[in-house]
Amino acid sequence: MSTSRPAAYPGAGSPGFRVPSLGYRILMAGLRLIPSFLILIAIPAAALSYLSSRGIALPISVFEVTLWGALLLALGAAQYILKPTVAYGPTSIAYSAVALAYLYYVVTISPYRFTLPGGSASIAAGYSSFLELLMIVPAIGVLVGILTTVEDVRSPSERLPFDYPI
């Protein structure tokens, strides 16, 4: 791991922290994309395709899951790469806002009414309460991103010894 000096932090080479190089951060962000892709896109898309092939109509499409997942993947990688810069706070806000919007979108299509193919029986499943509770996490992420942005504007390199200790 080599030391890099981001332009936004004139004292980035000072004792107390070591910022990884841009190439290393890009490599690690790329490696983090693999499990994230599986969790956010591949598994949900495969499950939706499987259920769709069995004649089960779902309220969300594979395209929508892929689109939301790709947005979250891109912002997550950018967030990791930009962590030692002042752009980290706004990127964190954007990531959390997209996650919040995705969860809100899924809440709007609740409850899901499952009708057996070729039959008249149906089962309704309401999951909006669970998702509303889950929305607390990205809402806190937006708040943390705002506080990080304010703190980075006030004193740009203050959080770096905590994020990148020697």
C-alpha atoms as a PDB file:
ATOM      1  CA  MET A   1       0.000   0.000   0.000  1.00  0.00           C
ATOM      2  CA  SER A   2       1.574   3.269  -1.040  1.00  0.00           C
ATOM      3  CA  THR A   3       0.900   6.759   0.164  1.00  0.00           C
ATOM      4  CA  SER A   4      -0.986   9.081  -2.128  1.00  0.00           C
ATOM      5  CA  ARG A   5      -1.680  12.743  -1.696  1.00  0.00           C
ATOM      6  CA  PRO A   6      -5.211  13.736  -2.801  1.00  0.00           C
ATOM      7  CA  ALA A   7      -5.388  17.290  -4.090  1.00  0.00           C
ATOM      8  CA  ALA A   8      -8.199  18.131  -1.664  1.00  0.00           C
ATOM      9  CA  TYR A   9      -5.960  17.480   1.358  1.00  0.00           C
ATOM     10  CA  PRO A  10      -2.690  19.379   1.342  1.00  0.00           C
ATOM     11  CA  GLY A  11      -1.513  17.664   4.537  1.00  0.00           C
ATOM     12  CA  ALA A  12      -2.382  14.123   3.459  1.00  0.00           C
ATOM     13  CA  GLY A  13       1.204  12.929   3.834  1.00  0.00           C
ATOM     14  CA  SER A  14       1.450  14.126   7.431  1.00  0.00           C
ATOM     15  CA  PRO A  15       2.095  11.639  10.236  1.00  0.00           C
ATOM     16  CA  GLY A  16      -0.870   9.824  11.704  1.00  0.00           C
ATOM     17  CA  PHE A  17      -2.452   8.364   8.591  1.00  0.00           C
ATOM     18  CA  ARG A  18      -1.615   6.757   5.271  1.00  0.00           C
ATOM     19  CA  VAL A  19      -4.053   7.128   2.394  1.00  0.00           C
ATOM     20  CA  PRO A  20      -3.983   4.181  -0.045  1.00  0.00           C
ATOM     21  CA  SER A  21      -3.134   5.009  -3.635  1.00  0.00           C
ATOM     22  CA  LEU A  22      -5.885   5.654  -6.142  1.00  0.00           C
ATOM     23  CA  GLY A  23      -5.046   2.433  -7.983  1.00  0.00           C
ATOM     24  CA  TYR A  24      -5.376   0.388  -4.789  1.00  0.00           C
ATOM     25  CA  ARG A  25      -8.718   2.024  -3.949  1.00  0.00           C
ATOM     26  CA  ILE A  26     -10.000   1.303  -7.476  1.00  0.00           C
ATOM     27  CA  LEU A  27      -8.851  -2.323  -7.207  1.00  0.00           C
ATOM     28  CA  MET A  28     -10.552  -2.793  -3.836  1.00  0.00           C
ATOM     29  CA  ALA A  29     -13.748  -1.111  -5.055  1.00  0.00           C
ATOM     30  CA  GLY A  30     -13.747  -3.503  -8.010  1.00  0.00           C
ATOM     31  CA  LEU A  31     -13.294  -6.499  -5.743  1.00  0.00           C
ATOM     32  CA  ARG A  32     -16.145  -5.301  -3.540  1.00  0.00           C
ATOM     33  CA  LEU A  33     -18.365  -5.223  -6.633  1.00  0.00           C
ATOM     34  CA  ILE A  34     -18.308  -9.019  -6.968  1.00  0.00           C
ATOM     35  CA  PRO A  35     -20.295  -9.951  -3.824  1.00  0.00           C
ATOM     36  CA  SER A  36     -22.379  -6.789  -4.124  1.00  0.00           C
ATOM     37  CA  PHE A  37     -23.343  -7.732  -7.682  1.00  0.00           C
ATOM     38  CA  LEU A  38     -24.398 -11.176  -6.525  1.00  0.00           C
ATOM     39  CA  ILE A  39     -26.512  -9.802  -3.661  1.00  0.00           C
ATOM     40  CA  LEU A  40     -28.069  -6.799  -5.405  1.00  0.00           C
ATOM     41  CA  ILE A  41     -28.515  -8.026  -8.988  1.00  0.00           C
ATOM     42  CA  ALA A  42     -27.704 -11.661  -9.797  1.00  0.00           C
ATOM     43  CA  ILE A  43     -29.640 -13.515  -7.075  1.00  0.00           C
ATOM     44  CA  PRO A  44     -32.767 -11.295  -7.197  1.00  0.00           C
ATOM     45  CA  ALA A  45     -32.818 -11.344 -11.018  1.00  0.00           C
ATOM     46  CA  ALA A  46     -32.418 -15.132 -11.081  1.00  0.00           C
ATOM     47  CA  ALA A  47     -35.209 -15.560  -8.521  1.00  0.00           C
ATOM     48  CA  LEU A  48     -37.519 -13.217 -10.433  1.00  0.00           C
ATOM     49  CA  SER A  49     -36.756 -14.984 -13.727  1.00  0.00           C
ATOM     50  CA  TYR A  50     -37.390 -18.381 -12.169  1.00  0.00           C
ATOM     51  CA  LEU A  51     -40.723 -17.298 -10.683  1.00  0.00           C
ATOM     52  CA  SER A  52     -41.729 -15.599 -13.934  1.00  0.00           C
ATOM     53  CA  SER A  53     -40.965 -18.769 -15.893  1.00  0.00           C
ATOM     54  CA  ARG A  54     -43.329 -20.653 -13.575  1.00  0.00           C
ATOM     55  CA  GLY A  55     -46.166 -18.263 -14.457  1.00  0.00           C
ATOM     56  CA  ILE A  56     -46.032 -16.240 -11.252  1.00  0.00           C
ATOM     57  CA  ALA A  57     -46.553 -12.534 -11.963  1.00  0.00           C
ATOM     58  CA  LEU A  58     -44.477 -10.290  -9.708  1.00  0.00           C
ATOM     59  CA  PRO A  59     -44.904  -6.566  -9.067  1.00  0.00           C
ATOM     60  CA  ILE A  60     -41.245  -5.765  -9.814  1.00  0.00           C
ATOM     61  CA  SER A  61     -39.398  -6.671 -12.993  1.00  0.00           C
ATOM     62  CA  VAL A  62     -35.891  -7.972 -13.567  1.00  0.00           C
ATOM     63  CA  PHE A  63     -35.079  -4.719 -15.367  1.00  0.00           C
ATOM     64  CA  GLU A  64     -36.066  -2.619 -12.346  1.00  0.00           C
ATOM     65  CA  VAL A  65     -34.034  -4.752  -9.943  1.00  0.00           C
ATOM     66  CA  THR A  66     -31.055  -4.558 -12.297  1.00  0.00           C
ATOM     67  CA  LEU A  67     -31.370  -0.788 -12.700  1.00  0.00           C
ATOM     68  CA  TRP A  68     -31.613  -0.067  -8.961  1.00  0.00           C
ATOM     69  CA  GLY A  69     -28.820  -2.548  -8.247  1.00  0.00           C
ATOM     70  CA  ALA A  70     -26.540  -1.003 -10.878  1.00  0.00           C
ATOM     71  CA  LEU A  71     -27.112   2.468  -9.412  1.00  0.00           C
ATOM     72  CA  LEU A  72     -26.240   1.200  -5.941  1.00  0.00           C
ATOM     73  CA  LEU A  73     -23.167  -0.643  -7.251  1.00  0.00           C
ATOM     74  CA  ALA A  74     -21.848   2.409  -9.099  1.00  0.00           C
ATOM     75  CA  LEU A  75     -22.387   4.740  -6.160  1.00  0.00           C
ATOM     76  CA  GLY A  76     -20.914   2.223  -3.703  1.00  0.00           C
ATOM     77  CA  ALA A  77     -17.744   1.887  -5.785  1.00  0.00           C
ATOM     78  CA  ALA A  78     -17.478   5.664  -6.172  1.00  0.00           C
ATOM     79  CA  GLN A  79     -17.992   6.089  -2.439  1.00  0.00           C
ATOM     80  CA  TYR A  80     -15.124   3.705  -1.676  1.00  0.00           C
ATOM     81  CA  ILE A  81     -12.773   5.343  -4.185  1.00  0.00           C
ATOM     82  CA  LEU A  82     -13.595   8.889  -3.029  1.00  0.00           C
ATOM     83  CA  LYS A  83     -13.355   8.168   0.710  1.00  0.00           C
ATOM     84  CA  PRO A  84     -10.172  10.227   1.321  1.00  0.00           C
ATOM     85  CA  THR A  85     -11.558  13.274  -0.529  1.00  0.00           C
ATOM     86  CA  VAL A  86     -14.153  15.918   0.265  1.00  0.00           C
ATOM     87  CA  ALA A  87     -16.442  14.248  -2.308  1.00  0.00           C
ATOM     88  CA  TYR A  88     -17.004  11.332   0.093  1.00  0.00           C
ATOM     89  CA  GLY A  89     -19.817  13.057   2.004  1.00  0.00           C
ATOM     90  CA  PRO A  90     -21.904  13.980  -1.058  1.00  0.00           C
ATOM     91  CA  THR A  91     -21.326  10.513  -2.546  1.00  0.00           C
ATOM     92  CA  SER A  92     -22.504   8.945   0.719  1.00  0.00           C
ATOM     93  CA  ILE A  93     -25.614  11.119   0.616  1.00  0.00           C
ATOM     94  CA  ALA A  94     -26.309  10.036  -2.977  1.00  0.00           C
ATOM     95  CA  TYR A  95     -25.808   6.333  -2.157  1.00  0.00           C
ATOM     96  CA  SER A  96     -28.118   6.476   0.860  1.00  0.00           C
ATOM     97  CA  ALA A  97     -30.704   8.545  -1.044  1.00  0.00           C
ATOM     98  CA  VAL A  98     -30.817   5.987  -3.877  1.00  0.00           C
ATOM     99  CA  ALA A  99     -31.165   3.138  -1.348  1.00  0.00           C
ATOM    100  CA  LEU A 100     -33.967   5.079   0.364  1.00  0.00           C
ATOM    101  CA  ALA A 101     -35.718   5.701  -2.969  1.00  0.00           C
ATOM    102  CA  TYR A 102     -35.399   2.013  -3.910  1.00  0.00           C
ATOM    103  CA  LEU A 103     -36.926   0.878  -0.636  1.00  0.00           C
ATOM    104  CA  TYR A 104     -39.687   3.496  -0.970  1.00  0.00           C
ATOM    105  CA  TYR A 105     -40.445   2.233  -4.476  1.00  0.00           C
ATOM    106  CA  VAL A 106     -40.742  -1.327  -3.194  1.00  0.00           C
ATOM    107  CA  VAL A 107     -43.006  -0.116  -0.356  1.00  0.00           C
ATOM    108  CA  THR A 108     -45.349   1.456  -2.907  1.00  0.00           C
ATOM    109  CA  ILE A 109     -45.974  -1.915  -4.583  1.00  0.00           C
ATOM    110  CA  SER A 110     -46.962  -3.598  -1.303  1.00  0.00           C
ATOM    111  CA  PRO A 111     -49.050  -5.639  -0.589  1.00  0.00           C
ATOM    112  CA  TYR A 112     -48.295  -8.357  -3.066  1.00  0.00           C
ATOM    113  CA  ARG A 113     -51.228 -10.553  -4.014  1.00  0.00           C
ATOM    114  CA  PHE A 114     -50.143 -14.004  -5.166  1.00  0.00           C
ATOM    115  CA  THR A 115     -52.658 -15.796  -7.331  1.00  0.00           C
ATOM    116  CA  LEU A 116     -52.088 -19.434  -8.132  1.00  0.00           C
ATOM    117  CA  PRO A 117     -51.621 -19.896 -11.878  1.00  0.00           C
ATOM    118  CA  GLY A 118     -54.798 -21.285 -13.409  1.00  0.00           C
ATOM    119  CA  GLY A 119     -56.683 -21.036 -10.144  1.00  0.00           C
ATOM    120  CA  SER A 120     -58.901 -18.644  -8.268  1.00  0.00           C
ATOM    121  CA  ALA A 121     -57.163 -18.823  -4.867  1.00  0.00           C
ATOM    122  CA  SER A 122     -54.927 -15.969  -3.847  1.00  0.00           C
ATOM    123  CA  ILE A 123     -52.682 -15.042  -0.935  1.00  0.00           C
ATOM    124  CA  ALA A 124     -51.822 -11.468   0.013  1.00  0.00           C
ATOM    125  CA  ALA A 125     -48.497 -10.614   1.638  1.00  0.00           C
ATOM    126  CA  GLY A 126     -47.921  -7.183   3.133  1.00  0.00           C
ATOM    127  CA  TYR A 127     -44.297  -6.322   3.709  1.00  0.00           C
ATOM    128  CA  SER A 128     -44.448  -2.542   3.894  1.00  0.00           C
ATOM    129  CA  SER A 129     -43.982  -2.365   7.688  1.00  0.00           C
ATOM    130  CA  PHE A 130     -40.731  -4.325   7.443  1.00  0.00           C
ATOM    131  CA  LEU A 131     -39.451  -2.145   4.610  1.00  0.00           C
ATOM    132  CA  GLU A 132     -40.416   1.042   6.447  1.00  0.00           C
ATOM    133  CA  LEU A 133     -38.300  -0.097   9.370  1.00  0.00           C
ATOM    134  CA  LEU A 134     -35.496  -0.985   6.968  1.00  0.00           C
ATOM    135  CA  MET A 135     -35.682   2.549   5.519  1.00  0.00           C
ATOM    136  CA  ILE A 136     -34.266   3.860   8.809  1.00  0.00           C
ATOM    137  CA  VAL A 137     -30.796   2.637   7.810  1.00  0.00           C
ATOM    138  CA  PRO A 138     -30.408   4.705   4.600  1.00  0.00           C
ATOM    139  CA  ALA A 139     -32.133   7.662   6.274  1.00  0.00           C
ATOM    140  CA  ILE A 140     -29.415   7.620   8.925  1.00  0.00           C
ATOM    141  CA  GLY A 141     -26.884   7.245   6.087  1.00  0.00           C
ATOM    142  CA  VAL A 142     -28.149  10.491   4.521  1.00  0.00           C
ATOM    143  CA  LEU A 143     -27.777  12.233   7.878  1.00  0.00           C
ATOM    144  CA  VAL A 144     -24.256  10.855   8.356  1.00  0.00           C
ATOM    145  CA  GLY A 145     -23.318  11.956   4.818  1.00  0.00           C
ATOM    146  CA  ILE A 146     -24.523  15.482   5.569  1.00  0.00           C
ATOM    147  CA  LEU A 147     -22.514  15.600   8.796  1.00  0.00           C
ATOM    148  CA  THR A 148     -19.430  14.211   7.029  1.00  0.00           C
ATOM    149  CA  THR A 149     -19.756  16.840   4.301  1.00  0.00           C
ATOM    150  CA  VAL A 150     -20.017  19.645   6.844  1.00  0.00           C
ATOM    151  CA  GLU A 151     -17.046  18.298   8.782  1.00  0.00           C
ATOM    152  CA  ASP A 152     -14.924  17.907   5.632  1.00  0.00           C
ATOM    153  CA  VAL A 153     -15.661  21.493   4.625  1.00  0.00           C
ATOM    154  CA  ARG A 154     -14.699  22.761   8.106  1.00  0.00           C
ATOM    155  CA  SER A 155     -11.492  20.732   8.448  1.00  0.00           C
ATOM    156  CA  PRO A 156     -10.678  18.603   5.392  1.00  0.00           C
ATOM    157  CA  SER A 157      -8.176  16.091   6.795  1.00  0.00           C
ATOM    158  CA  GLU A 158      -9.562  15.642  10.304  1.00  0.00           C
ATOM    159  CA  ARG A 159     -11.221  12.253   9.691  1.00  0.00           C
ATOM    160  CA  LEU A 160      -8.318  10.724   7.731  1.00  0.00           C
ATOM    161  CA  PRO A 161      -6.334   9.504  10.794  1.00  0.00           C
ATOM    162  CA  PHE A 162      -9.455   7.586  11.849  1.00  0.00           C
ATOM    163  CA  ASP A 163     -10.216   6.210   8.369  1.00  0.00           C
ATOM    164  CA  TYR A 164      -6.598   5.413   7.427  1.00  0.00           C
ATOM    165  CA  PRO A 165      -4.489   4.931  10.550  1.00  0.00           C
ATOM    166  CA  ILE A 166      -0.859   3.933  10.177  1.00  0.00           C
END
